[in-house]
Amino acid sequence: MMAGRRLALTATAALMLSGIGTEYAHRTGWRLNLTASEPRGFYRLRPIGSSPLPRGTLVTLCPPAWVTPAAFPFYMTGDCPGAGRTLLKTVVGIPGDRIEASPEGIRINGVLLPDSVPMRRSDRYPEIRLPQWHGAIVLGPRQYWVYGRGARQALAARSFDSRYFGPVSASELRGRTGYRSWLSASAHAATQTHSPADLLAGLFGNLTFLLSFLWPWGI
């Protein structure tokens, strides 16, 4: 009886601490990415700001409102206009760039983007036919082309990004991020220095997402 009571109290305390850690991690901007379309690891959100974003910036964004979990069941539900979750992608096309769809994939200013041939159907849901972006465009002052680099390069071919829903506007961007790997203290160039307390809060809070299977980004 006493052992069962202690176990229940321990479980309750763990749940409370997990909730506190998760709340603190989210308030301080930490997220855990476990999807395959960008390197897996811990990210910290920062405001987009008013200046144009440089090429290579990692961003979180809402795709156009017609991209919905109902239409694309691999896309998780969230608070974006189409009722889906924010996506984590890399800015590869910036204002003034010429984007062109070709049989070999997407070309940016004439340079082919690796592994950018769009898939016809979802590999997880083969009954779902994926939209295809066609044509050519010069990105406007507040337009960006986003791309999933993949947890490893070969997985970039499976990313759900601008090759399917086209360019995104600055108003659809939610934040920019820095990346920190699982085991290394080295950081992506976009990452700022964080205090040990913040890093521990991010680690603790986001591990609760891992344990409860709540992923912060769609695909």
N, C-alpha and C. Protein backbone atom coordinates (compact mmCIF):
# COMPACT_ATOMS: atom_id res chain seq x y z
N MET A 1 0.83 -1.20 0.00
CA MET A 1 0.00 0.00 0.00
C MET A 1 0.86 1.26 0.00
N MET A 2 1.87 1.29 0.95
CA MET A 2 2.74 2.46 1.05
C MET A 2 3.58 2.63 -0.21
N ALA A 3 4.04 1.50 -0.74
CA ALA A 3 4.86 1.57 -1.97
C ALA A 3 4.04 2.14 -3.12
N GLY A 4 2.77 1.71 -3.21
CA GLY A 4 1.90 2.22 -4.27
C GLY A 4 1.64 3.71 -4.10
N ARG A 5 1.50 4.13 -2.83
CA ARG A 5 1.25 5.55 -2.57
C ARG A 5 2.46 6.40 -2.96
N ARG A 6 3.66 5.90 -2.60
CA ARG A 6 4.88 6.62 -2.93
C ARG A 6 5.05 6.73 -4.44
N LEU A 7 4.72 5.64 -5.14
CA LEU A 7 4.82 5.64 -6.60
C LEU A 7 3.88 6.67 -7.21
N ALA A 8 2.65 6.74 -6.67
CA ALA A 8 1.67 7.70 -7.18
C ALA A 8 2.14 9.13 -6.93
N LEU A 9 2.70 9.38 -5.72
CA LEU A 9 3.18 10.73 -5.40
C LEU A 9 4.37 11.11 -6.28
N THR A 10 5.25 10.14 -6.52
CA THR A 10 6.41 10.40 -7.38
C THR A 10 5.97 10.72 -8.81
N ALA A 11 5.01 9.94 -9.31
CA ALA A 11 4.51 10.18 -10.66
C ALA A 11 3.84 11.54 -10.77
N THR A 12 3.07 11.91 -9.75
CA THR A 12 2.40 13.22 -9.75
C THR A 12 3.42 14.35 -9.75
N ALA A 13 4.46 14.22 -8.90
CA ALA A 13 5.50 15.25 -8.84
C ALA A 13 6.23 15.36 -10.17
N ALA A 14 6.52 14.22 -10.79
CA ALA A 14 7.22 14.23 -12.08
C ALA A 14 6.39 14.94 -13.14
N LEU A 15 5.08 14.67 -13.14
CA LEU A 15 4.20 15.32 -14.11
C LEU A 15 4.15 16.82 -13.89
N MET A 16 4.09 17.24 -12.62
CA MET A 16 4.06 18.67 -12.32
C MET A 16 5.35 19.35 -12.77
N LEU A 17 6.50 18.72 -12.47
CA LEU A 17 7.77 19.30 -12.87
C LEU A 17 7.91 19.33 -14.38
N SER A 18 7.41 18.28 -15.05
CA SER A 18 7.45 18.26 -16.51
C SER A 18 6.64 19.41 -17.08
N GLY A 19 5.47 19.64 -16.49
CA GLY A 19 4.63 20.75 -16.97
C GLY A 19 5.31 22.09 -16.78
N ILE A 20 5.95 22.28 -15.61
CA ILE A 20 6.66 23.53 -15.34
C ILE A 20 7.82 23.69 -16.31
N GLY A 21 8.57 22.61 -16.53
CA GLY A 21 9.71 22.69 -17.44
C GLY A 21 9.28 22.99 -18.86
N THR A 22 8.19 22.33 -19.30
CA THR A 22 7.69 22.56 -20.65
C THR A 22 7.22 24.00 -20.83
N GLU A 23 6.49 24.50 -19.84
CA GLU A 23 5.98 25.87 -19.91
C GLU A 23 7.15 26.86 -19.97
N TYR A 24 8.15 26.65 -19.12
CA TYR A 24 9.30 27.56 -19.11
C TYR A 24 10.06 27.48 -20.43
N ALA A 25 10.25 26.27 -20.94
CA ALA A 25 10.96 26.11 -22.21
C ALA A 25 10.25 26.85 -23.34
N HIS A 26 8.92 26.75 -23.36
CA HIS A 26 8.17 27.42 -24.42
C HIS A 26 8.21 28.93 -24.25
N ARG A 27 8.13 29.40 -23.01
CA ARG A 27 8.17 30.84 -22.79
C ARG A 27 9.51 31.43 -23.21
N THR A 28 10.59 30.68 -23.04
CA THR A 28 11.91 31.17 -23.41
C THR A 28 12.27 30.80 -24.84
N GLY A 29 11.32 30.23 -25.58
CA GLY A 29 11.51 30.03 -27.02
C GLY A 29 12.11 28.72 -27.45
N TRP A 30 12.37 27.79 -26.53
CA TRP A 30 13.00 26.53 -26.92
C TRP A 30 11.99 25.57 -27.55
N ARG A 31 12.45 24.89 -28.59
CA ARG A 31 11.65 23.86 -29.24
C ARG A 31 12.54 22.66 -29.57
N LEU A 32 11.91 21.51 -29.68
CA LEU A 32 12.61 20.28 -30.04
C LEU A 32 12.10 19.83 -31.40
N ASN A 33 12.99 19.71 -32.37
CA ASN A 33 12.58 19.23 -33.69
C ASN A 33 12.97 17.77 -33.85
N LEU A 34 11.98 16.92 -34.08
CA LEU A 34 12.21 15.50 -34.35
C LEU A 34 11.78 15.11 -35.75
N THR A 35 11.36 16.08 -36.58
CA THR A 35 10.99 15.77 -37.95
C THR A 35 12.24 15.58 -38.79
N ALA A 36 12.08 14.98 -39.96
CA ALA A 36 13.23 14.64 -40.80
C ALA A 36 13.57 15.71 -41.83
N SER A 37 12.76 16.78 -41.92
CA SER A 37 13.00 17.75 -42.99
C SER A 37 14.06 18.79 -42.65
N GLU A 38 14.50 18.86 -41.39
CA GLU A 38 15.63 19.69 -40.98
C GLU A 38 16.43 18.91 -39.94
N PRO A 39 17.70 19.26 -39.70
CA PRO A 39 18.47 18.54 -38.68
C PRO A 39 17.74 18.48 -37.35
N ARG A 40 17.72 17.31 -36.74
CA ARG A 40 17.03 17.13 -35.46
C ARG A 40 17.83 17.77 -34.33
N GLY A 41 17.13 18.31 -33.36
CA GLY A 41 17.82 18.90 -32.22
C GLY A 41 17.01 20.00 -31.58
N PHE A 42 17.67 20.78 -30.72
CA PHE A 42 17.01 21.86 -29.99
C PHE A 42 17.20 23.18 -30.73
N TYR A 43 16.12 23.92 -30.83
CA TYR A 43 16.12 25.22 -31.50
C TYR A 43 15.54 26.26 -30.55
N ARG A 44 15.98 27.50 -30.72
CA ARG A 44 15.39 28.59 -29.93
C ARG A 44 14.86 29.66 -30.87
N LEU A 45 13.57 29.99 -30.71
CA LEU A 45 12.93 30.98 -31.56
C LEU A 45 13.35 32.39 -31.17
N ARG A 46 13.51 33.24 -32.18
CA ARG A 46 13.76 34.66 -32.00
C ARG A 46 12.82 35.43 -32.92
N PRO A 47 12.55 36.68 -32.63
CA PRO A 47 11.68 37.46 -33.51
C PRO A 47 12.27 37.58 -34.91
N ILE A 48 11.39 37.67 -35.90
CA ILE A 48 11.82 37.82 -37.28
C ILE A 48 12.54 39.15 -37.48
N GLY A 49 12.01 40.23 -36.88
CA GLY A 49 12.59 41.55 -37.07
C GLY A 49 12.11 42.18 -38.37
N SER A 50 12.52 43.40 -38.61
CA SER A 50 12.05 44.13 -39.78
C SER A 50 13.02 44.09 -40.96
N SER A 51 14.25 43.66 -40.73
CA SER A 51 15.24 43.62 -41.82
C SER A 51 15.03 42.38 -42.69
N PRO A 52 15.37 42.46 -43.98
CA PRO A 52 15.28 41.27 -44.84
C PRO A 52 16.13 40.13 -44.29
N LEU A 53 15.63 38.92 -44.45
CA LEU A 53 16.35 37.74 -43.94
C LEU A 53 17.43 37.32 -44.91
N PRO A 54 18.61 36.98 -44.42
CA PRO A 54 19.65 36.48 -45.32
C PRO A 54 19.38 35.03 -45.73
N ARG A 55 19.95 34.66 -46.85
CA ARG A 55 19.85 33.28 -47.30
C ARG A 55 20.47 32.35 -46.25
N GLY A 56 19.82 31.23 -46.02
CA GLY A 56 20.32 30.27 -45.04
C GLY A 56 19.69 30.39 -43.67
N THR A 57 18.83 31.40 -43.47
CA THR A 57 18.18 31.57 -42.17
C THR A 57 17.17 30.45 -41.94
N LEU A 58 17.20 29.87 -40.75
CA LEU A 58 16.18 28.90 -40.35
C LEU A 58 14.97 29.66 -39.81
N VAL A 59 13.79 29.32 -40.31
CA VAL A 59 12.59 30.03 -39.89
C VAL A 59 11.48 29.04 -39.55
N THR A 60 10.56 29.50 -38.72
CA THR A 60 9.30 28.79 -38.54
C THR A 60 8.24 29.60 -39.26
N LEU A 61 7.30 28.91 -39.89
CA LEU A 61 6.34 29.59 -40.74
C LEU A 61 5.03 28.84 -40.80
N CYS A 62 3.98 29.57 -41.17
CA CYS A 62 2.70 28.97 -41.52
C CYS A 62 2.59 28.91 -43.03
N PRO A 63 2.30 27.76 -43.61
CA PRO A 63 2.09 27.70 -45.05
C PRO A 63 0.77 28.39 -45.41
N PRO A 64 0.50 28.57 -46.71
CA PRO A 64 -0.78 29.19 -47.10
C PRO A 64 -1.98 28.46 -46.48
N ALA A 65 -3.07 29.20 -46.30
CA ALA A 65 -4.23 28.68 -45.57
C ALA A 65 -4.86 27.45 -46.23
N TRP A 66 -4.63 27.27 -47.55
CA TRP A 66 -5.22 26.09 -48.20
C TRP A 66 -4.48 24.80 -47.84
N VAL A 67 -3.31 24.93 -47.22
CA VAL A 67 -2.58 23.75 -46.74
C VAL A 67 -3.14 23.40 -45.36
N THR A 68 -3.92 22.34 -45.30
CA THR A 68 -4.62 21.96 -44.07
C THR A 68 -4.35 20.49 -43.72
N PRO A 69 -4.46 20.13 -42.44
CA PRO A 69 -4.34 18.72 -42.06
C PRO A 69 -5.41 17.84 -42.70
N ALA A 70 -6.57 18.42 -42.98
CA ALA A 70 -7.63 17.62 -43.62
C ALA A 70 -7.22 17.22 -45.03
N ALA A 71 -6.57 18.15 -45.75
CA ALA A 71 -6.15 17.85 -47.12
C ALA A 71 -4.87 17.02 -47.16
N PHE A 72 -4.00 17.23 -46.16
CA PHE A 72 -2.71 16.55 -46.12
C PHE A 72 -2.53 15.93 -44.74
N PRO A 73 -2.94 14.68 -44.53
CA PRO A 73 -2.97 14.09 -43.20
C PRO A 73 -1.61 13.95 -42.52
N PHE A 74 -0.52 14.08 -43.26
CA PHE A 74 0.80 14.06 -42.63
C PHE A 74 1.12 15.38 -41.94
N TYR A 75 0.31 16.41 -42.20
CA TYR A 75 0.53 17.74 -41.64
C TYR A 75 -0.22 17.84 -40.32
N MET A 76 0.49 18.09 -39.22
CA MET A 76 -0.11 18.04 -37.89
C MET A 76 -0.92 19.29 -37.59
N THR A 77 -1.90 19.14 -36.71
CA THR A 77 -2.79 20.25 -36.36
C THR A 77 -2.09 21.26 -35.46
N GLY A 78 -2.53 22.53 -35.59
CA GLY A 78 -1.93 23.59 -34.79
C GLY A 78 -2.70 24.88 -34.94
N ASP A 79 -2.02 26.01 -34.74
CA ASP A 79 -2.71 27.30 -34.72
C ASP A 79 -2.44 28.17 -35.95
N CYS A 80 -1.96 27.57 -37.03
CA CYS A 80 -1.80 28.32 -38.28
C CYS A 80 -3.16 28.57 -38.92
N PRO A 81 -3.27 29.50 -39.87
CA PRO A 81 -4.57 29.80 -40.50
C PRO A 81 -5.28 28.58 -41.08
N GLY A 82 -4.51 27.61 -41.60
CA GLY A 82 -5.11 26.40 -42.13
C GLY A 82 -5.30 25.32 -41.09
N ALA A 83 -5.17 25.68 -39.81
CA ALA A 83 -5.35 24.76 -38.67
C ALA A 83 -4.22 23.75 -38.54
N GLY A 84 -3.07 24.03 -39.15
CA GLY A 84 -1.91 23.16 -39.01
C GLY A 84 -0.84 23.80 -38.15
N ARG A 85 0.24 23.05 -37.94
CA ARG A 85 1.35 23.54 -37.12
C ARG A 85 2.35 24.31 -37.96
N THR A 86 3.15 25.12 -37.27
CA THR A 86 4.23 25.81 -37.96
C THR A 86 5.25 24.80 -38.49
N LEU A 87 5.88 25.16 -39.60
CA LEU A 87 6.91 24.33 -40.21
C LEU A 87 8.27 24.95 -39.94
N LEU A 88 9.28 24.12 -39.86
CA LEU A 88 10.67 24.56 -39.68
C LEU A 88 11.39 24.36 -41.01
N LYS A 89 11.85 25.45 -41.63
CA LYS A 89 12.47 25.37 -42.95
C LYS A 89 13.64 26.36 -43.05
N THR A 90 14.40 26.21 -44.12
CA THR A 90 15.53 27.10 -44.39
C THR A 90 15.17 28.04 -45.54
N VAL A 91 15.49 29.32 -45.38
CA VAL A 91 15.30 30.29 -46.46
C VAL A 91 16.41 30.08 -47.49
N VAL A 92 16.03 29.71 -48.71
CA VAL A 92 17.02 29.53 -49.77
C VAL A 92 16.83 30.53 -50.90
N GLY A 93 15.65 31.15 -50.98
CA GLY A 93 15.40 32.18 -51.98
C GLY A 93 14.99 33.46 -51.27
N ILE A 94 15.63 34.58 -51.64
CA ILE A 94 15.38 35.86 -50.99
C ILE A 94 14.88 36.87 -52.03
N PRO A 95 14.34 38.01 -51.58
CA PRO A 95 13.82 39.00 -52.53
C PRO A 95 14.81 39.32 -53.65
N GLY A 96 14.27 39.30 -54.88
CA GLY A 96 15.10 39.56 -56.05
C GLY A 96 15.59 38.31 -56.75
N ASP A 97 15.52 37.15 -56.08
CA ASP A 97 15.95 35.89 -56.70
C ASP A 97 14.94 35.43 -57.74
N ARG A 98 15.44 34.79 -58.79
CA ARG A 98 14.56 34.17 -59.79
C ARG A 98 14.42 32.69 -59.47
N ILE A 99 13.19 32.26 -59.28
CA ILE A 99 12.88 30.86 -58.97
C ILE A 99 12.24 30.24 -60.20
N GLU A 100 12.69 29.07 -60.57
CA GLU A 100 12.16 28.40 -61.76
C GLU A 100 12.00 26.90 -61.48
N ALA A 101 10.83 26.37 -61.81
CA ALA A 101 10.60 24.94 -61.71
C ALA A 101 11.04 24.28 -63.01
N SER A 102 11.83 23.21 -62.89
CA SER A 102 12.30 22.48 -64.07
C SER A 102 12.12 20.99 -63.82
N PRO A 103 12.22 20.14 -64.85
CA PRO A 103 12.08 18.70 -64.62
C PRO A 103 13.12 18.15 -63.63
N GLU A 104 14.27 18.85 -63.52
CA GLU A 104 15.32 18.39 -62.61
C GLU A 104 15.11 18.86 -61.17
N GLY A 105 14.17 19.79 -60.98
CA GLY A 105 13.94 20.34 -59.66
C GLY A 105 13.80 21.85 -59.70
N ILE A 106 14.07 22.50 -58.59
CA ILE A 106 13.93 23.95 -58.47
C ILE A 106 15.29 24.61 -58.71
N ARG A 107 15.28 25.63 -59.57
CA ARG A 107 16.50 26.41 -59.83
C ARG A 107 16.33 27.80 -59.22
N ILE A 108 17.39 28.24 -58.54
CA ILE A 108 17.41 29.58 -57.96
C ILE A 108 18.54 30.35 -58.64
N ASN A 109 18.16 31.38 -59.38
CA ASN A 109 19.13 32.14 -60.18
C ASN A 109 19.95 31.20 -61.07
N GLY A 110 19.28 30.19 -61.62
CA GLY A 110 19.91 29.26 -62.54
C GLY A 110 20.63 28.09 -61.89
N VAL A 111 20.76 28.09 -60.57
CA VAL A 111 21.48 27.02 -59.87
C VAL A 111 20.48 26.03 -59.31
N LEU A 112 20.67 24.75 -59.64
CA LEU A 112 19.75 23.71 -59.21
C LEU A 112 19.86 23.47 -57.71
N LEU A 113 18.72 23.47 -57.03
CA LEU A 113 18.66 23.16 -55.60
C LEU A 113 18.72 21.64 -55.43
N PRO A 114 19.64 21.11 -54.64
CA PRO A 114 19.77 19.65 -54.51
C PRO A 114 18.49 18.98 -54.01
N ASP A 115 18.20 17.82 -54.56
CA ASP A 115 17.08 16.99 -54.09
C ASP A 115 15.77 17.78 -54.04
N SER A 116 15.51 18.57 -55.07
CA SER A 116 14.32 19.43 -55.05
C SER A 116 13.24 19.02 -56.06
N VAL A 117 13.37 17.84 -56.65
CA VAL A 117 12.30 17.35 -57.52
C VAL A 117 11.08 17.02 -56.65
N PRO A 118 9.93 17.63 -56.92
CA PRO A 118 8.76 17.34 -56.06
C PRO A 118 8.25 15.92 -56.26
N MET A 119 7.77 15.34 -55.18
CA MET A 119 7.15 14.02 -55.27
C MET A 119 5.71 14.17 -55.77
N ARG A 120 5.24 13.19 -56.48
CA ARG A 120 3.86 13.22 -56.99
C ARG A 120 2.86 12.88 -55.90
N ARG A 121 3.26 11.94 -55.03
CA ARG A 121 2.37 11.49 -53.96
C ARG A 121 3.14 11.38 -52.66
N SER A 122 2.41 11.47 -51.56
CA SER A 122 3.02 11.31 -50.25
C SER A 122 3.49 9.87 -50.07
N ASP A 123 4.71 9.69 -49.56
CA ASP A 123 5.18 8.32 -49.36
C ASP A 123 4.46 7.66 -48.19
N ARG A 124 4.00 8.46 -47.21
CA ARG A 124 3.28 7.91 -46.05
C ARG A 124 1.81 7.69 -46.36
N TYR A 125 1.26 8.52 -47.25
CA TYR A 125 -0.15 8.42 -47.63
C TYR A 125 -0.22 8.41 -49.17
N PRO A 126 0.06 7.28 -49.80
CA PRO A 126 0.14 7.23 -51.26
C PRO A 126 -1.15 7.62 -51.97
N GLU A 127 -2.26 7.62 -51.25
CA GLU A 127 -3.52 8.04 -51.87
C GLU A 127 -3.59 9.56 -52.00
N ILE A 128 -2.70 10.28 -51.33
CA ILE A 128 -2.70 11.75 -51.36
C ILE A 128 -1.81 12.25 -52.49
N ARG A 129 -2.41 12.93 -53.45
CA ARG A 129 -1.66 13.54 -54.54
C ARG A 129 -1.17 14.92 -54.10
N LEU A 130 0.11 15.17 -54.23
CA LEU A 130 0.70 16.42 -53.75
C LEU A 130 0.60 17.53 -54.80
N PRO A 131 0.38 18.77 -54.37
CA PRO A 131 0.35 19.88 -55.32
C PRO A 131 1.75 20.11 -55.89
N GLN A 132 1.84 20.69 -57.06
CA GLN A 132 3.12 20.97 -57.69
C GLN A 132 3.19 22.45 -58.04
N TRP A 133 4.26 23.12 -57.67
CA TRP A 133 4.44 24.51 -58.06
C TRP A 133 5.09 24.55 -59.43
N HIS A 134 4.52 25.32 -60.34
CA HIS A 134 5.02 25.38 -61.71
C HIS A 134 5.37 26.81 -62.08
N GLY A 135 6.23 26.93 -63.09
CA GLY A 135 6.50 28.25 -63.66
C GLY A 135 7.78 28.88 -63.14
N ALA A 136 7.83 30.20 -63.25
CA ALA A 136 9.00 30.97 -62.83
C ALA A 136 8.52 32.27 -62.19
N ILE A 137 9.31 32.78 -61.25
CA ILE A 137 8.93 34.00 -60.54
C ILE A 137 10.19 34.69 -60.04
N VAL A 138 10.15 36.01 -60.03
CA VAL A 138 11.17 36.79 -59.33
C VAL A 138 10.56 37.20 -57.99
N LEU A 139 11.20 36.78 -56.90
CA LEU A 139 10.63 37.04 -55.58
C LEU A 139 10.53 38.53 -55.29
N GLY A 140 9.38 38.93 -54.77
CA GLY A 140 9.13 40.32 -54.43
C GLY A 140 9.85 40.74 -53.16
N PRO A 141 9.67 42.01 -52.75
CA PRO A 141 10.40 42.55 -51.59
C PRO A 141 10.16 41.79 -50.28
N ARG A 142 9.02 41.15 -50.14
CA ARG A 142 8.71 40.46 -48.88
C ARG A 142 8.38 38.99 -49.13
N GLN A 143 9.01 38.41 -50.14
CA GLN A 143 8.77 37.01 -50.45
C GLN A 143 10.04 36.18 -50.25
N TYR A 144 9.82 34.93 -49.82
CA TYR A 144 10.94 34.00 -49.60
C TYR A 144 10.58 32.63 -50.14
N TRP A 145 11.61 31.90 -50.52
CA TRP A 145 11.45 30.50 -50.93
C TRP A 145 12.08 29.65 -49.84
N VAL A 146 11.30 28.68 -49.31
CA VAL A 146 11.79 27.88 -48.19
C VAL A 146 11.95 26.42 -48.62
N TYR A 147 12.85 25.74 -47.92
CA TYR A 147 13.30 24.41 -48.32
C TYR A 147 13.71 23.64 -47.07
N GLY A 148 13.37 22.36 -47.01
CA GLY A 148 13.84 21.52 -45.91
C GLY A 148 15.15 20.84 -46.29
N ARG A 149 16.20 21.13 -45.55
CA ARG A 149 17.52 20.57 -45.88
C ARG A 149 17.62 19.09 -45.57
N GLY A 150 16.72 18.59 -44.71
CA GLY A 150 16.76 17.19 -44.33
C GLY A 150 17.64 16.93 -43.13
N ALA A 151 17.23 16.00 -42.27
CA ALA A 151 18.07 15.58 -41.16
C ALA A 151 19.39 15.04 -41.71
N ARG A 152 19.36 14.47 -42.89
CA ARG A 152 20.53 14.22 -43.72
C ARG A 152 20.12 14.57 -45.15
N GLN A 153 21.08 14.85 -46.02
CA GLN A 153 20.78 15.45 -47.31
C GLN A 153 19.73 14.68 -48.11
N ALA A 154 19.80 13.35 -48.10
CA ALA A 154 18.85 12.56 -48.90
C ALA A 154 17.41 12.81 -48.49
N LEU A 155 17.18 13.19 -47.21
CA LEU A 155 15.82 13.42 -46.74
C LEU A 155 15.24 14.75 -47.21
N ALA A 156 16.08 15.62 -47.79
CA ALA A 156 15.57 16.88 -48.34
C ALA A 156 14.55 16.61 -49.45
N ALA A 157 14.69 15.47 -50.12
CA ALA A 157 13.77 15.13 -51.21
C ALA A 157 12.35 14.94 -50.71
N ARG A 158 12.18 14.66 -49.40
CA ARG A 158 10.85 14.36 -48.84
C ARG A 158 10.25 15.54 -48.09
N SER A 159 10.94 16.67 -48.05
CA SER A 159 10.45 17.82 -47.30
C SER A 159 9.23 18.43 -47.98
N PHE A 160 8.26 18.83 -47.17
CA PHE A 160 7.06 19.53 -47.66
C PHE A 160 7.35 21.03 -47.53
N ASP A 161 7.64 21.68 -48.65
CA ASP A 161 8.12 23.06 -48.61
C ASP A 161 7.62 23.83 -49.83
N SER A 162 8.35 24.89 -50.20
CA SER A 162 7.86 25.79 -51.26
C SER A 162 7.70 25.11 -52.62
N ARG A 163 8.35 23.99 -52.85
CA ARG A 163 8.17 23.31 -54.14
C ARG A 163 6.72 22.82 -54.30
N TYR A 164 5.99 22.75 -53.18
CA TYR A 164 4.58 22.34 -53.22
C TYR A 164 3.63 23.52 -53.04
N PHE A 165 3.96 24.47 -52.15
CA PHE A 165 3.00 25.56 -51.89
C PHE A 165 3.51 26.93 -52.33
N GLY A 166 4.68 26.97 -52.98
CA GLY A 166 5.16 28.22 -53.56
C GLY A 166 5.85 29.13 -52.55
N PRO A 167 6.16 30.36 -52.97
CA PRO A 167 6.85 31.29 -52.06
C PRO A 167 5.97 31.68 -50.89
N VAL A 168 6.59 32.08 -49.80
CA VAL A 168 5.86 32.54 -48.62
C VAL A 168 6.17 34.02 -48.40
N SER A 169 5.23 34.72 -47.82
CA SER A 169 5.43 36.14 -47.54
C SER A 169 5.99 36.31 -46.13
N ALA A 170 6.58 37.47 -45.89
CA ALA A 170 7.15 37.75 -44.57
C ALA A 170 6.08 37.66 -43.48
N SER A 171 4.83 37.97 -43.83
CA SER A 171 3.76 37.92 -42.83
C SER A 171 3.44 36.50 -42.38
N GLU A 172 3.86 35.49 -43.16
CA GLU A 172 3.62 34.09 -42.81
C GLU A 172 4.73 33.50 -41.94
N LEU A 173 5.80 34.26 -41.73
CA LEU A 173 6.91 33.78 -40.91
C LEU A 173 6.61 34.06 -39.44
N ARG A 174 6.85 33.08 -38.59
CA ARG A 174 6.57 33.22 -37.15
C ARG A 174 7.82 33.55 -36.34
N GLY A 175 8.96 33.06 -36.76
CA GLY A 175 10.18 33.30 -36.00
C GLY A 175 11.39 32.78 -36.75
N ARG A 176 12.55 33.20 -36.30
CA ARG A 176 13.80 32.65 -36.83
C ARG A 176 14.45 31.87 -35.69
N THR A 177 15.31 30.93 -36.04
CA THR A 177 15.80 30.03 -35.01
C THR A 177 17.30 29.85 -35.08
N GLY A 178 17.85 29.38 -33.96
CA GLY A 178 19.21 28.89 -33.92
C GLY A 178 19.17 27.41 -33.62
N TYR A 179 20.21 26.69 -34.00
CA TYR A 179 20.22 25.23 -33.87
C TYR A 179 21.35 24.78 -32.95
N ARG A 180 21.06 23.83 -32.10
CA ARG A 180 22.10 23.22 -31.26
C ARG A 180 21.96 21.72 -31.38
N SER A 181 23.06 21.03 -31.65
CA SER A 181 22.99 19.59 -31.88
C SER A 181 22.72 18.84 -30.58
N TRP A 182 22.47 17.53 -30.73
CA TRP A 182 22.13 16.70 -29.57
C TRP A 182 23.25 16.68 -28.52
N LEU A 183 24.48 16.42 -28.96
CA LEU A 183 25.55 16.13 -28.00
C LEU A 183 26.67 17.16 -28.01
N SER A 184 26.72 18.00 -29.05
CA SER A 184 27.82 18.93 -29.18
C SER A 184 27.44 20.30 -28.67
N ALA A 185 28.39 21.03 -28.13
CA ALA A 185 28.14 22.40 -27.71
C ALA A 185 28.27 23.36 -28.88
N SER A 186 28.75 22.87 -30.04
CA SER A 186 28.87 23.75 -31.20
C SER A 186 27.49 24.10 -31.71
N ALA A 187 27.35 25.27 -32.28
CA ALA A 187 26.04 25.76 -32.67
C ALA A 187 26.04 26.19 -34.12
N HIS A 188 24.86 26.17 -34.71
CA HIS A 188 24.65 26.73 -36.04
C HIS A 188 24.96 28.22 -35.99
N ALA A 189 25.37 28.78 -37.11
CA ALA A 189 25.78 30.19 -37.14
C ALA A 189 24.69 31.13 -36.66
N ALA A 190 23.41 30.71 -36.78
CA ALA A 190 22.32 31.60 -36.39
C ALA A 190 22.07 31.59 -34.89
N THR A 191 22.74 30.69 -34.14
CA THR A 191 22.47 30.55 -32.71
C THR A 191 23.19 31.60 -31.90
N GLN A 192 22.49 32.16 -30.93
CA GLN A 192 23.12 33.08 -30.00
C GLN A 192 23.63 32.30 -28.80
N THR A 193 24.49 32.92 -27.97
CA THR A 193 24.97 32.29 -26.75
C THR A 193 23.87 32.33 -25.70
N HIS A 194 23.65 31.21 -25.03
CA HIS A 194 22.60 31.13 -24.00
C HIS A 194 23.23 30.74 -22.67
N SER A 195 22.60 31.15 -21.59
CA SER A 195 23.10 30.82 -20.26
C SER A 195 22.89 29.34 -19.97
N PRO A 196 23.72 28.75 -19.09
CA PRO A 196 23.52 27.33 -18.71
C PRO A 196 22.12 27.07 -18.18
N ALA A 197 21.54 28.02 -17.44
CA ALA A 197 20.19 27.83 -16.90
C ALA A 197 19.18 27.70 -18.02
N ASP A 198 19.31 28.56 -19.06
CA ASP A 198 18.39 28.48 -20.19
C ASP A 198 18.55 27.17 -20.94
N LEU A 199 19.80 26.73 -21.12
CA LEU A 199 20.03 25.48 -21.83
C LEU A 199 19.43 24.30 -21.07
N LEU A 200 19.61 24.29 -19.74
CA LEU A 200 19.03 23.21 -18.94
C LEU A 200 17.51 23.24 -18.99
N ALA A 201 16.93 24.45 -18.95
CA ALA A 201 15.47 24.57 -19.04
C ALA A 201 14.98 24.06 -20.38
N GLY A 202 15.70 24.43 -21.43
CA GLY A 202 15.30 23.95 -22.75
C GLY A 202 15.38 22.45 -22.86
N LEU A 203 16.47 21.88 -22.35
CA LEU A 203 16.65 20.42 -22.39
C LEU A 203 15.56 19.72 -21.60
N PHE A 204 15.32 20.17 -20.36
CA PHE A 204 14.33 19.53 -19.50
C PHE A 204 12.93 19.66 -20.08
N GLY A 205 12.58 20.88 -20.48
CA GLY A 205 11.23 21.10 -20.98
C GLY A 205 10.96 20.31 -22.24
N ASN A 206 11.92 20.28 -23.16
CA ASN A 206 11.67 19.61 -24.42
C ASN A 206 11.73 18.10 -24.31
N LEU A 207 12.47 17.56 -23.34
CA LEU A 207 12.43 16.12 -23.13
C LEU A 207 11.03 15.65 -22.74
N THR A 208 10.26 16.52 -22.10
CA THR A 208 8.89 16.14 -21.77
C THR A 208 8.05 15.99 -23.03
N PHE A 209 8.37 16.78 -24.06
CA PHE A 209 7.68 16.60 -25.34
C PHE A 209 8.05 15.26 -25.96
N LEU A 210 9.32 14.88 -25.85
CA LEU A 210 9.74 13.60 -26.37
C LEU A 210 9.00 12.47 -25.68
N LEU A 211 8.88 12.57 -24.36
CA LEU A 211 8.23 11.51 -23.60
C LEU A 211 6.73 11.46 -23.85
N SER A 212 6.14 12.60 -24.14
CA SER A 212 4.69 12.61 -24.34
C SER A 212 4.29 12.63 -25.82
N PHE A 213 5.28 12.50 -26.70
CA PHE A 213 5.03 12.42 -28.14
C PHE A 213 4.28 13.64 -28.68
N LEU A 214 4.68 14.82 -28.24
CA LEU A 214 4.11 16.06 -28.77
C LEU A 214 5.20 16.76 -29.54
N TRP A 215 5.07 16.80 -30.87
CA TRP A 215 6.13 17.38 -31.70
C TRP A 215 5.77 18.85 -31.99
N PRO A 216 6.78 19.76 -31.95
CA PRO A 216 6.50 21.17 -32.14
C PRO A 216 6.38 21.63 -33.59
N TRP A 217 6.79 20.81 -34.57
CA TRP A 217 6.67 21.24 -35.96
C TRP A 217 6.00 20.15 -36.79
N GLY A 218 5.39 20.59 -37.86
CA GLY A 218 4.56 19.69 -38.65
C GLY A 218 5.34 18.67 -39.44
N ILE A 219 6.16 19.09 -40.42
CA ILE A 219 6.89 18.14 -41.26
C ILE A 219 8.05 18.86 -41.92
